[in-house]
Amino acid sequence: MKIGELSKKASVSRDTIRFYEKNLLMVDVKRPNEWNNYKDYPEENLKRIVIIKCLKKFGFTLKECRDVLQEMDENPNKSEFKRNVAKSKLEAINKKINDLVEVRNTLIRVLEE
């Protein structure tokens, strides 16, 4: 499919798709004709964009998204990696929550003075 169709199906901008492609998050992108700049994006890239959007929603960085996608490509049935990634992200989120609670408590004490 062309970038416009992928953009609509994935609900992301064309620039986002180009950015993901530049950052090696897209696969098997081909230029079927040398005489124009059109590219064909396989259906798999739609799935990858959905995964990226989901991971980003949970606070994953682009590098972490790339790592997850790479591991999924290399070991599609390996759930141990997925569990470790989720556990690691959960620990990071819990740390952020604890840090924010400390900041909130400090601000409350300052306002009470």
PDB file of N, CA and C in Angstrom:
ATOM      1  N   MET A   1       0.842  -1.176   0.000  1.00  0.00           N
ATOM      2  CA  MET A   1       0.000   0.000   0.000  1.00  0.00           C
ATOM      3  C   MET A   1       0.889   1.242   0.000  1.00  0.00           C
ATOM      4  N   LYS A   2       0.359   2.313  -0.480  1.00  0.00           N
ATOM      5  CA  LYS A   2       1.088   3.574  -0.530  1.00  0.00           C
ATOM      6  C   LYS A   2       1.007   4.273   0.830  1.00  0.00           C
ATOM      7  N   ILE A   3       1.833   5.264   1.027  1.00  0.00           N
ATOM      8  CA  ILE A   3       1.935   5.940   2.318  1.00  0.00           C
ATOM      9  C   ILE A   3       0.620   6.582   2.747  1.00  0.00           C
ATOM     10  N   GLY A   4      -0.139   7.134   1.793  1.00  0.00           N
ATOM     11  CA  GLY A   4      -1.414   7.765   2.130  1.00  0.00           C
ATOM     12  C   GLY A   4      -2.411   6.773   2.700  1.00  0.00           C
ATOM     13  N   GLU A   5      -2.488   5.607   2.094  1.00  0.00           N
ATOM     14  CA  GLU A   5      -3.402   4.572   2.566  1.00  0.00           C
ATOM     15  C   GLU A   5      -2.973   4.065   3.941  1.00  0.00           C
ATOM     16  N   LEU A   6      -1.678   3.832   4.119  1.00  0.00           N
ATOM     17  CA  LEU A   6      -1.156   3.390   5.410  1.00  0.00           C
ATOM     18  C   LEU A   6      -1.420   4.447   6.478  1.00  0.00           C
ATOM     19  N   SER A   7      -1.228   5.694   6.116  1.00  0.00           N
ATOM     20  CA  SER A   7      -1.461   6.811   7.032  1.00  0.00           C
ATOM     21  C   SER A   7      -2.907   6.810   7.528  1.00  0.00           C
ATOM     22  N   LYS A   8      -3.851   6.644   6.608  1.00  0.00           N
ATOM     23  CA  LYS A   8      -5.269   6.634   6.989  1.00  0.00           C
ATOM     24  C   LYS A   8      -5.603   5.427   7.844  1.00  0.00           C
ATOM     25  N   LYS A   9      -5.145   4.260   7.440  1.00  0.00           N
ATOM     26  CA  LYS A   9      -5.463   3.042   8.179  1.00  0.00           C
ATOM     27  C   LYS A   9      -4.874   3.056   9.587  1.00  0.00           C
ATOM     28  N   ALA A  10      -3.679   3.619   9.732  1.00  0.00           N
ATOM     29  CA  ALA A  10      -2.993   3.627  11.024  1.00  0.00           C
ATOM     30  C   ALA A  10      -3.326   4.856  11.868  1.00  0.00           C
ATOM     31  N   SER A  11      -4.007   5.823  11.271  1.00  0.00           N
ATOM     32  CA  SER A  11      -4.345   7.081  11.958  1.00  0.00           C
ATOM     33  C   SER A  11      -3.104   7.808  12.459  1.00  0.00           C
ATOM     34  N   VAL A  12      -2.106   7.864  11.594  1.00  0.00           N
ATOM     35  CA  VAL A  12      -0.899   8.648  11.866  1.00  0.00           C
ATOM     36  C   VAL A  12      -0.596   9.465  10.620  1.00  0.00           C
ATOM     37  N   SER A  13       0.221  10.475  10.770  1.00  0.00           N
ATOM     38  CA  SER A  13       0.567  11.312   9.624  1.00  0.00           C
ATOM     39  C   SER A  13       1.593  10.620   8.730  1.00  0.00           C
ATOM     40  N   ARG A  14       1.688  11.106   7.530  1.00  0.00           N
ATOM     41  CA  ARG A  14       2.703  10.604   6.607  1.00  0.00           C
ATOM     42  C   ARG A  14       4.102  10.871   7.165  1.00  0.00           C
ATOM     43  N   ASP A  15       4.250  12.026   7.807  1.00  0.00           N
ATOM     44  CA  ASP A  15       5.546  12.360   8.412  1.00  0.00           C
ATOM     45  C   ASP A  15       5.921  11.362   9.503  1.00  0.00           C
ATOM     46  N   THR A  16       4.930  10.902  10.259  1.00  0.00           N
ATOM     47  CA  THR A  16       5.188   9.905  11.294  1.00  0.00           C
ATOM     48  C   THR A  16       5.697   8.618  10.664  1.00  0.00           C
ATOM     49  N   ILE A  17       5.056   8.206   9.581  1.00  0.00           N
ATOM     50  CA  ILE A  17       5.487   6.989   8.887  1.00  0.00           C
ATOM     51  C   ILE A  17       6.911   7.154   8.373  1.00  0.00           C
ATOM     52  N   ARG A  18       7.210   8.303   7.786  1.00  0.00           N
ATOM     53  CA  ARG A  18       8.568   8.555   7.296  1.00  0.00           C
ATOM     54  C   ARG A  18       9.575   8.542   8.450  1.00  0.00           C
ATOM     55  N   PHE A  19       9.166   9.124   9.582  1.00  0.00           N
ATOM     56  CA  PHE A  19      10.024   9.146  10.768  1.00  0.00           C
ATOM     57  C   PHE A  19      10.291   7.726  11.255  1.00  0.00           C
ATOM     58  N   TYR A  20       9.252   6.901  11.329  1.00  0.00           N
ATOM     59  CA  TYR A  20       9.418   5.512  11.744  1.00  0.00           C
ATOM     60  C   TYR A  20      10.315   4.762  10.761  1.00  0.00           C
ATOM     61  N   GLU A  21      10.131   5.032   9.490  1.00  0.00           N
ATOM     62  CA  GLU A  21      10.964   4.372   8.483  1.00  0.00           C
ATOM     63  C   GLU A  21      12.426   4.784   8.643  1.00  0.00           C
ATOM     64  N   LYS A  22      12.648   6.071   8.841  1.00  0.00           N
ATOM     65  CA  LYS A  22      14.011   6.581   9.022  1.00  0.00           C
ATOM     66  C   LYS A  22      14.670   5.972  10.259  1.00  0.00           C
ATOM     67  N   ASN A  23      13.852   5.682  11.279  1.00  0.00           N
ATOM     68  CA  ASN A  23      14.366   5.118  12.527  1.00  0.00           C
ATOM     69  C   ASN A  23      14.273   3.593  12.566  1.00  0.00           C
ATOM     70  N   LEU A  24      14.160   3.007  11.391  1.00  0.00           N
ATOM     71  CA  LEU A  24      14.238   1.544  11.213  1.00  0.00           C
ATOM     72  C   LEU A  24      13.139   0.773  11.945  1.00  0.00           C
ATOM     73  N   LEU A  25      11.937   1.338  11.984  1.00  0.00           N
ATOM     74  CA  LEU A  25      10.813   0.665  12.603  1.00  0.00           C
ATOM     75  C   LEU A  25       9.889   0.014  11.571  1.00  0.00           C
ATOM     76  N   MET A  26      10.055   0.342  10.321  1.00  0.00           N
ATOM     77  CA  MET A  26       9.260  -0.233   9.234  1.00  0.00           C
ATOM     78  C   MET A  26      10.072  -1.340   8.551  1.00  0.00           C
ATOM     79  N   VAL A  27       9.362  -2.279   7.927  1.00  0.00           N
ATOM     80  CA  VAL A  27      10.047  -3.391   7.262  1.00  0.00           C
ATOM     81  C   VAL A  27       9.607  -3.518   5.807  1.00  0.00           C
ATOM     82  N   ASP A  28      10.515  -4.031   5.006  1.00  0.00           N
ATOM     83  CA  ASP A  28      10.250  -4.386   3.605  1.00  0.00           C
ATOM     84  C   ASP A  28       9.607  -3.273   2.779  1.00  0.00           C
ATOM     85  N   VAL A  29      10.032  -2.042   3.010  1.00  0.00           N
ATOM     86  CA  VAL A  29       9.524  -0.931   2.205  1.00  0.00           C
ATOM     87  C   VAL A  29      10.255  -0.964   0.874  1.00  0.00           C
ATOM     88  N   LYS A  30       9.487  -0.951  -0.200  1.00  0.00           N
ATOM     89  CA  LYS A  30      10.095  -1.077  -1.522  1.00  0.00           C
ATOM     90  C   LYS A  30       9.690   0.069  -2.428  1.00  0.00           C
ATOM     91  N   ARG A  31      10.567   0.357  -3.353  1.00  0.00           N
ATOM     92  CA  ARG A  31      10.271   1.306  -4.433  1.00  0.00           C
ATOM     93  C   ARG A  31      10.119   0.475  -5.706  1.00  0.00           C
ATOM     94  N   PRO A  32       8.885   0.186  -6.097  1.00  0.00           N
ATOM     95  CA  PRO A  32       8.697  -0.689  -7.249  1.00  0.00           C
ATOM     96  C   PRO A  32       9.108  -0.054  -8.583  1.00  0.00           C
ATOM     97  N   ASN A  33       9.104   1.254  -8.655  1.00  0.00           N
ATOM     98  CA  ASN A  33       9.470   1.945  -9.895  1.00  0.00           C
ATOM     99  C   ASN A  33      10.621   2.896  -9.632  1.00  0.00           C
ATOM    100  N   GLU A  34      11.623   2.800 -10.443  1.00  0.00           N
ATOM    101  CA  GLU A  34      12.779   3.685 -10.275  1.00  0.00           C
ATOM    102  C   GLU A  34      12.484   5.112 -10.717  1.00  0.00           C
ATOM    103  N   TRP A  35      11.488   5.292 -11.539  1.00  0.00           N
ATOM    104  CA  TRP A  35      11.229   6.601 -12.130  1.00  0.00           C
ATOM    105  C   TRP A  35      10.363   7.504 -11.256  1.00  0.00           C
ATOM    106  N   ASN A  36       9.869   7.020 -10.122  1.00  0.00           N
ATOM    107  CA  ASN A  36       9.156   7.905  -9.195  1.00  0.00           C
ATOM    108  C   ASN A  36       9.571   7.582  -7.761  1.00  0.00           C
ATOM    109  N   ASN A  37       9.119   8.378  -6.835  1.00  0.00           N
ATOM    110  CA  ASN A  37       9.510   8.186  -5.436  1.00  0.00           C
ATOM    111  C   ASN A  37       8.478   7.411  -4.624  1.00  0.00           C
ATOM    112  N   TYR A  38       7.482   6.842  -5.266  1.00  0.00           N
ATOM    113  CA  TYR A  38       6.459   6.097  -4.543  1.00  0.00           C
ATOM    114  C   TYR A  38       7.060   4.855  -3.895  1.00  0.00           C
ATOM    115  N   LYS A  39       6.561   4.573  -2.701  1.00  0.00           N
ATOM    116  CA  LYS A  39       7.016   3.383  -1.982  1.00  0.00           C
ATOM    117  C   LYS A  39       5.801   2.501  -1.699  1.00  0.00           C
ATOM    118  N   ASP A  40       6.057   1.220  -1.607  1.00  0.00           N
ATOM    119  CA  ASP A  40       5.028   0.271  -1.199  1.00  0.00           C
ATOM    120  C   ASP A  40       5.338  -0.202   0.206  1.00  0.00           C
ATOM    121  N   TYR A  41       4.335  -0.099   1.068  1.00  0.00           N
ATOM    122  CA  TYR A  41       4.457  -0.529   2.458  1.00  0.00           C
ATOM    123  C   TYR A  41       3.627  -1.796   2.644  1.00  0.00           C
ATOM    124  N   PRO A  42       4.255  -2.907   2.989  1.00  0.00           N
ATOM    125  CA  PRO A  42       3.493  -4.131   3.226  1.00  0.00           C
ATOM    126  C   PRO A  42       2.518  -3.974   4.399  1.00  0.00           C
ATOM    127  N   GLU A  43       1.495  -4.804   4.415  1.00  0.00           N
ATOM    128  CA  GLU A  43       0.471  -4.791   5.470  1.00  0.00           C
ATOM    129  C   GLU A  43       1.089  -4.935   6.860  1.00  0.00           C
ATOM    130  N   GLU A  44       2.202  -5.642   6.956  1.00  0.00           N
ATOM    131  CA  GLU A  44       2.855  -5.842   8.256  1.00  0.00           C
ATOM    132  C   GLU A  44       3.197  -4.517   8.928  1.00  0.00           C
ATOM    133  N   ASN A  45       3.467  -3.484   8.137  1.00  0.00           N
ATOM    134  CA  ASN A  45       3.819  -2.183   8.722  1.00  0.00           C
ATOM    135  C   ASN A  45       2.642  -1.553   9.448  1.00  0.00           C
ATOM    136  N   LEU A  46       1.431  -1.852   9.018  1.00  0.00           N
ATOM    137  CA  LEU A  46       0.257  -1.372   9.747  1.00  0.00           C
ATOM    138  C   LEU A  46       0.245  -1.979  11.147  1.00  0.00           C
ATOM    139  N   LYS A  47       0.510  -3.261  11.234  1.00  0.00           N
ATOM    140  CA  LYS A  47       0.574  -3.931  12.539  1.00  0.00           C
ATOM    141  C   LYS A  47       1.686  -3.328  13.396  1.00  0.00           C
ATOM    142  N   ARG A  48       2.814  -3.037  12.769  1.00  0.00           N
ATOM    143  CA  ARG A  48       3.945  -2.467  13.513  1.00  0.00           C
ATOM    144  C   ARG A  48       3.589  -1.086  14.067  1.00  0.00           C
ATOM    145  N   ILE A  49       2.896  -0.292  13.276  1.00  0.00           N
ATOM    146  CA  ILE A  49       2.504   1.046  13.748  1.00  0.00           C
ATOM    147  C   ILE A  49       1.532   0.932  14.911  1.00  0.00           C
ATOM    148  N   VAL A  50       0.599  -0.005  14.841  1.00  0.00           N
ATOM    149  CA  VAL A  50      -0.335  -0.217  15.952  1.00  0.00           C
ATOM    150  C   VAL A  50       0.431  -0.611  17.215  1.00  0.00           C
ATOM    151  N   ILE A  51       1.415  -1.483  17.076  1.00  0.00           N
ATOM    152  CA  ILE A  51       2.238  -1.895  18.228  1.00  0.00           C
ATOM    153  C   ILE A  51       3.011  -0.696  18.768  1.00  0.00           C
ATOM    154  N   ILE A  52       3.616   0.093  17.885  1.00  0.00           N
ATOM    155  CA  ILE A  52       4.377   1.272  18.315  1.00  0.00           C
ATOM    156  C   ILE A  52       3.478   2.235  19.082  1.00  0.00           C
ATOM    157  N   LYS A  53       2.294   2.505  18.544  1.00  0.00           N
ATOM    158  CA  LYS A  53       1.365   3.422  19.215  1.00  0.00           C
ATOM    159  C   LYS A  53       1.002   2.906  20.602  1.00  0.00           C
ATOM    160  N   CYS A  54       0.768   1.619  20.710  1.00  0.00           N
ATOM    161  CA  CYS A  54       0.432   1.017  22.000  1.00  0.00           C
ATOM    162  C   CYS A  54       1.604   1.138  22.979  1.00  0.00           C
ATOM    163  N   LEU A  55       2.798   0.797  22.510  1.00  0.00           N
ATOM    164  CA  LEU A  55       3.974   0.882  23.375  1.00  0.00           C
ATOM    165  C   LEU A  55       4.244   2.314  23.815  1.00  0.00           C
ATOM    166  N   LYS A  56       4.105   3.267  22.899  1.00  0.00           N
ATOM    167  CA  LYS A  56       4.333   4.667  23.247  1.00  0.00           C
ATOM    168  C   LYS A  56       3.315   5.145  24.278  1.00  0.00           C
ATOM    169  N   LYS A  57       2.097   4.645  24.156  1.00  0.00           N
ATOM    170  CA  LYS A  57       1.054   5.011  25.117  1.00  0.00           C
ATOM    171  C   LYS A  57       1.436   4.569  26.527  1.00  0.00           C
ATOM    172  N   PHE A  58       2.178   3.470  26.609  1.00  0.00           N
ATOM    173  CA  PHE A  58       2.616   2.966  27.908  1.00  0.00           C
ATOM    174  C   PHE A  58       3.982   3.489  28.310  1.00  0.00           C
ATOM    175  N   GLY A  59       4.491   4.479  27.585  1.00  0.00           N
ATOM    176  CA  GLY A  59       5.712   5.152  28.001  1.00  0.00           C
ATOM    177  C   GLY A  59       6.996   4.607  27.417  1.00  0.00           C
ATOM    178  N   PHE A  60       6.912   3.741  26.421  1.00  0.00           N
ATOM    179  CA  PHE A  60       8.127   3.211  25.806  1.00  0.00           C
ATOM    180  C   PHE A  60       8.755   4.272  24.912  1.00  0.00           C
ATOM    181  N   THR A  61      10.071   4.325  24.914  1.00  0.00           N
ATOM    182  CA  THR A  61      10.794   5.216  24.022  1.00  0.00           C
ATOM    183  C   THR A  61      10.841   4.587  22.628  1.00  0.00           C
ATOM    184  N   LEU A  62      11.251   5.362  21.638  1.00  0.00           N
ATOM    185  CA  LEU A  62      11.379   4.811  20.288  1.00  0.00           C
ATOM    186  C   LEU A  62      12.422   3.705  20.236  1.00  0.00           C
ATOM    187  N   LYS A  63      13.499   3.866  20.979  1.00  0.00           N
ATOM    188  CA  LYS A  63      14.522   2.817  21.012  1.00  0.00           C
ATOM    189  C   LYS A  63      13.954   1.541  21.612  1.00  0.00           C
ATOM    190  N   GLU A  64      13.189   1.677  22.685  1.00  0.00           N
ATOM    191  CA  GLU A  64      12.561   0.504  23.295  1.00  0.00           C
ATOM    192  C   GLU A  64      11.568  -0.144  22.329  1.00  0.00           C
ATOM    193  N   CYS A  65      10.832   0.683  21.599  1.00  0.00           N
ATOM    194  CA  CYS A  65       9.910   0.150  20.580  1.00  0.00           C
ATOM    195  C   CYS A  65      10.683  -0.628  19.524  1.00  0.00           C
ATOM    196  N   ARG A  66      11.791  -0.072  19.087  1.00  0.00           N
ATOM    197  CA  ARG A  66      12.615  -0.755  18.081  1.00  0.00           C
ATOM    198  C   ARG A  66      13.119  -2.091  18.619  1.00  0.00           C
ATOM    199  N   ASP A  67      13.555  -2.093  19.877  1.00  0.00           N
ATOM    200  CA  ASP A  67      14.040  -3.328  20.494  1.00  0.00           C
ATOM    201  C   ASP A  67      12.937  -4.381  20.570  1.00  0.00           C
ATOM    202  N   VAL A  68      11.742  -3.957  20.969  1.00  0.00           N
ATOM    203  CA  VAL A  68      10.616  -4.889  21.059  1.00  0.00           C
ATOM    204  C   VAL A  68      10.280  -5.445  19.678  1.00  0.00           C
ATOM    205  N   LEU A  69      10.198  -4.561  18.675  1.00  0.00           N
ATOM    206  CA  LEU A  69       9.880  -5.024  17.321  1.00  0.00           C
ATOM    207  C   LEU A  69      10.956  -5.958  16.784  1.00  0.00           C
ATOM    208  N   GLN A  70      12.194  -5.633  17.054  1.00  0.00           N
ATOM    209  CA  GLN A  70      13.292  -6.488  16.589  1.00  0.00           C
ATOM    210  C   GLN A  70      13.205  -7.863  17.240  1.00  0.00           C
ATOM    211  N   GLU A  71      12.949  -7.880  18.525  1.00  0.00           N
ATOM    212  CA  GLU A  71      12.829  -9.168  19.219  1.00  0.00           C
ATOM    213  C   GLU A  71      11.622  -9.948  18.711  1.00  0.00           C
ATOM    214  N   MET A  72      10.528  -9.260  18.436  1.00  0.00           N
ATOM    215  CA  MET A  72       9.346  -9.929  17.894  1.00  0.00           C
ATOM    216  C   MET A  72       9.640 -10.512  16.513  1.00  0.00           C
ATOM    217  N   ASP A  73      10.443  -9.805  15.728  1.00  0.00           N
ATOM    218  CA  ASP A  73      10.817 -10.299  14.400  1.00  0.00           C
ATOM    219  C   ASP A  73      11.690 -11.545  14.511  1.00  0.00           C
ATOM    220  N   GLU A  74      12.619 -11.517  15.446  1.00  0.00           N
ATOM    221  CA  GLU A  74      13.580 -12.615  15.582  1.00  0.00           C
ATOM    222  C   GLU A  74      12.997 -13.820  16.318  1.00  0.00           C
ATOM    223  N   ASN A  75      12.159 -13.560  17.307  1.00  0.00           N
ATOM    224  CA  ASN A  75      11.593 -14.632  18.147  1.00  0.00           C
ATOM    225  C   ASN A  75      10.108 -14.373  18.382  1.00  0.00           C
ATOM    226  N   PRO A  76       9.268 -14.596  17.384  1.00  0.00           N
ATOM    227  CA  PRO A  76       7.855 -14.220  17.505  1.00  0.00           C
ATOM    228  C   PRO A  76       7.091 -14.940  18.620  1.00  0.00           C
ATOM    229  N   ASN A  77       7.545 -16.087  19.053  1.00  0.00           N
ATOM    230  CA  ASN A  77       6.820 -16.837  20.072  1.00  0.00           C
ATOM    231  C   ASN A  77       7.482 -16.802  21.439  1.00  0.00           C
ATOM    232  N   LYS A  78       8.483 -15.985  21.591  1.00  0.00           N
ATOM    233  CA  LYS A  78       9.239 -15.950  22.843  1.00  0.00           C
ATOM    234  C   LYS A  78       8.572 -14.981  23.819  1.00  0.00           C
ATOM    235  N   SER A  79       7.846 -15.517  24.770  1.00  0.00           N
ATOM    236  CA  SER A  79       7.107 -14.670  25.702  1.00  0.00           C
ATOM    237  C   SER A  79       7.966 -14.193  26.867  1.00  0.00           C
ATOM    238  N   GLU A  80       9.092 -14.850  27.135  1.00  0.00           N
ATOM    239  CA  GLU A  80       9.961 -14.440  28.240  1.00  0.00           C
ATOM    240  C   GLU A  80      10.462 -13.012  28.033  1.00  0.00           C
ATOM    241  N   PHE A  81      10.863 -12.708  26.803  1.00  0.00           N
ATOM    242  CA  PHE A  81      11.332 -11.356  26.500  1.00  0.00           C
ATOM    243  C   PHE A  81      10.221 -10.349  26.756  1.00  0.00           C
ATOM    244  N   LYS A  82       9.017 -10.662  26.285  1.00  0.00           N
ATOM    245  CA  LYS A  82       7.880  -9.755  26.465  1.00  0.00           C
ATOM    246  C   LYS A  82       7.614  -9.516  27.948  1.00  0.00           C
ATOM    247  N   ARG A  83       7.686 -10.588  28.733  1.00  0.00           N
ATOM    248  CA  ARG A  83       7.478 -10.456  30.180  1.00  0.00           C
ATOM    249  C   ARG A  83       8.551  -9.581  30.810  1.00  0.00           C
ATOM    250  N   ASN A  84       9.805  -9.779  30.414  1.00  0.00           N
ATOM    251  CA  ASN A  84      10.904  -8.987  30.973  1.00  0.00           C
ATOM    252  C   ASN A  84      10.780  -7.516  30.603  1.00  0.00           C
ATOM    253  N   VAL A  85      10.394  -7.254  29.369  1.00  0.00           N
ATOM    254  CA  VAL A  85      10.212  -5.863  28.936  1.00  0.00           C
ATOM    255  C   VAL A  85       9.085  -5.225  29.737  1.00  0.00           C
ATOM    256  N   ALA A  86       7.968  -5.937  29.884  1.00  0.00           N
ATOM    257  CA  ALA A  86       6.833  -5.405  30.636  1.00  0.00           C
ATOM    258  C   ALA A  86       7.209  -5.185  32.101  1.00  0.00           C
ATOM    259  N   LYS A  87       7.933  -6.115  32.673  1.00  0.00           N
ATOM    260  CA  LYS A  87       8.348  -5.991  34.077  1.00  0.00           C
ATOM    261  C   LYS A  87       9.266  -4.789  34.270  1.00  0.00           C
ATOM    262  N   SER A  88      10.202  -4.627  33.355  1.00  0.00           N
ATOM    263  CA  SER A  88      11.128  -3.502  33.422  1.00  0.00           C
ATOM    264  C   SER A  88      10.389  -2.167  33.312  1.00  0.00           C
ATOM    265  N   LYS A  89       9.435  -2.093  32.384  1.00  0.00           N
ATOM    266  CA  LYS A  89       8.672  -0.856  32.209  1.00  0.00           C
ATOM    267  C   LYS A  89       7.804  -0.595  33.430  1.00  0.00           C
ATOM    268  N   LEU A  90       7.225  -1.636  33.996  1.00  0.00           N
ATOM    269  CA  LEU A  90       6.404  -1.482  35.202  1.00  0.00           C
ATOM    270  C   LEU A  90       7.235  -0.940  36.358  1.00  0.00           C
ATOM    271  N   GLU A  91       8.454  -1.438  36.513  1.00  0.00           N
ATOM    272  CA  GLU A  91       9.340  -0.938  37.564  1.00  0.00           C
ATOM    273  C   GLU A  91       9.664   0.540  37.351  1.00  0.00           C
ATOM    274  N   ALA A  92       9.913   0.924  36.107  1.00  0.00           N
ATOM    275  CA  ALA A  92      10.205   2.329  35.805  1.00  0.00           C
ATOM    276  C   ALA A  92       8.992   3.209  36.094  1.00  0.00           C
ATOM    277  N   ILE A  93       7.814   2.742  35.757  1.00  0.00           N
ATOM    278  CA  ILE A  93       6.592   3.504  36.019  1.00  0.00           C
ATOM    279  C   ILE A  93       6.371   3.647  37.521  1.00  0.00           C
ATOM    280  N   ASN A  94       6.569   2.567  38.265  1.00  0.00           N
ATOM    281  CA  ASN A  94       6.403   2.635  39.720  1.00  0.00           C
ATOM    282  C   ASN A  94       7.387   3.613  40.347  1.00  0.00           C
ATOM    283  N   LYS A  95       8.610   3.646  39.824  1.00  0.00           N
ATOM    284  CA  LYS A  95       9.599   4.606  40.335  1.00  0.00           C
ATOM    285  C   LYS A  95       9.140   6.038  40.067  1.00  0.00           C
ATOM    286  N   LYS A  96       8.620   6.284  38.852  1.00  0.00           N
ATOM    287  CA  LYS A  96       8.120   7.620  38.521  1.00  0.00           C
ATOM    288  C   LYS A  96       6.962   8.010  39.437  1.00  0.00           C
ATOM    289  N   ILE A  97       6.078   7.064  39.691  1.00  0.00           N
ATOM    290  CA  ILE A  97       4.940   7.335  40.580  1.00  0.00           C
ATOM    291  C   ILE A  97       5.442   7.702  41.971  1.00  0.00           C
ATOM    292  N   ASN A  98       6.387   6.936  42.482  1.00  0.00           N
ATOM    293  CA  ASN A  98       6.942   7.232  43.812  1.00  0.00           C
ATOM    294  C   ASN A  98       7.615   8.595  43.840  1.00  0.00           C
ATOM    295  N   ASP A  99       8.350   8.922  42.796  1.00  0.00           N
ATOM    296  CA  ASP A  99       9.002  10.231  42.716  1.00  0.00           C
ATOM    297  C   ASP A  99       7.966  11.348  42.698  1.00  0.00           C
ATOM    298  N   LEU A 100       6.892  11.161  41.932  1.00  0.00           N
ATOM    299  CA  LEU A 100       5.843  12.181  41.858  1.00  0.00           C
ATOM    300  C   LEU A 100       5.113  12.337  43.191  1.00  0.00           C
ATOM    301  N   VAL A 101       4.907  11.242  43.893  1.00  0.00           N
ATOM    302  CA  VAL A 101       4.269  11.308  45.210  1.00  0.00           C
ATOM    303  C   VAL A 101       5.150  12.106  46.163  1.00  0.00           C
ATOM    304  N   GLU A 102       6.452  11.891  46.112  1.00  0.00           N
ATOM    305  CA  GLU A 102       7.378  12.658  46.955  1.00  0.00           C
ATOM    306  C   GLU A 102       7.308  14.148  46.617  1.00  0.00           C
ATOM    307  N   VAL A 103       7.296  14.476  45.343  1.00  0.00           N
ATOM    308  CA  VAL A 103       7.210  15.882  44.925  1.00  0.00           C
ATOM    309  C   VAL A 103       5.891  16.479  45.409  1.00  0.00           C
ATOM    310  N   ARG A 104       4.798  15.745  45.223  1.00  0.00           N
ATOM    311  CA  ARG A 104       3.487  16.229  45.676  1.00  0.00           C
ATOM    312  C   ARG A 104       3.496  16.484  47.177  1.00  0.00           C
ATOM    313  N   ASN A 105       4.035  15.543  47.948  1.00  0.00           N
ATOM    314  CA  ASN A 105       4.059  15.697  49.406  1.00  0.00           C
ATOM    315  C   ASN A 105       4.909  16.898  49.804  1.00  0.00           C
ATOM    316  N   THR A 106       6.006  17.107  49.121  1.00  0.00           N
ATOM    317  CA  THR A 106       6.855  18.268  49.407  1.00  0.00           C
ATOM    318  C   THR A 106       6.107  19.563  49.119  1.00  0.00           C
ATOM    319  N   LEU A 107       5.415  19.611  47.996  1.00  0.00           N
ATOM    320  CA  LEU A 107       4.639  20.803  47.640  1.00  0.00           C
ATOM    321  C   LEU A 107       3.524  21.058  48.648  1.00  0.00           C
ATOM    322  N   ILE A 108       2.890  20.006  49.102  1.00  0.00           N
ATOM    323  CA  ILE A 108       1.833  20.157  50.111  1.00  0.00           C
ATOM    324  C   ILE A 108       2.412  20.753  51.388  1.00  0.00           C
ATOM    325  N   ARG A 109       3.585  20.253  51.822  1.00  0.00           N
ATOM    326  CA  ARG A 109       4.222  20.788  53.033  1.00  0.00           C
ATOM    327  C   ARG A 109       4.588  22.269  52.847  1.00  0.00           C
ATOM    328  N   VAL A 110       5.092  22.620  51.668  1.00  0.00           N
ATOM    329  CA  VAL A 110       5.464  24.015  51.408  1.00  0.00           C
ATOM    330  C   VAL A 110       4.223  24.905  51.450  1.00  0.00           C
ATOM    331  N   LEU A 111       3.144  24.447  50.893  1.00  0.00           N
ATOM    332  CA  LEU A 111       1.906  25.260  50.883  1.00  0.00           C
ATOM    333  C   LEU A 111       1.275  25.387  52.267  1.00  0.00           C
ATOM    334  N   GLU A 112       1.527  24.440  53.127  1.00  0.00           N
ATOM    335  CA  GLU A 112       0.957  24.469  54.478  1.00  0.00           C
ATOM    336  C   GLU A 112       1.728  25.384  55.423  1.00  0.00           C
ATOM    337  N   GLU A 113       2.927  25.762  55.048  1.00  0.00           N
ATOM    338  CA  GLU A 113       3.750  26.613  55.922  1.00  0.00           C
ATOM    339  C   GLU A 113       3.269  28.023  55.945  1.00  0.00           C
TER     340      GLU A 113
END
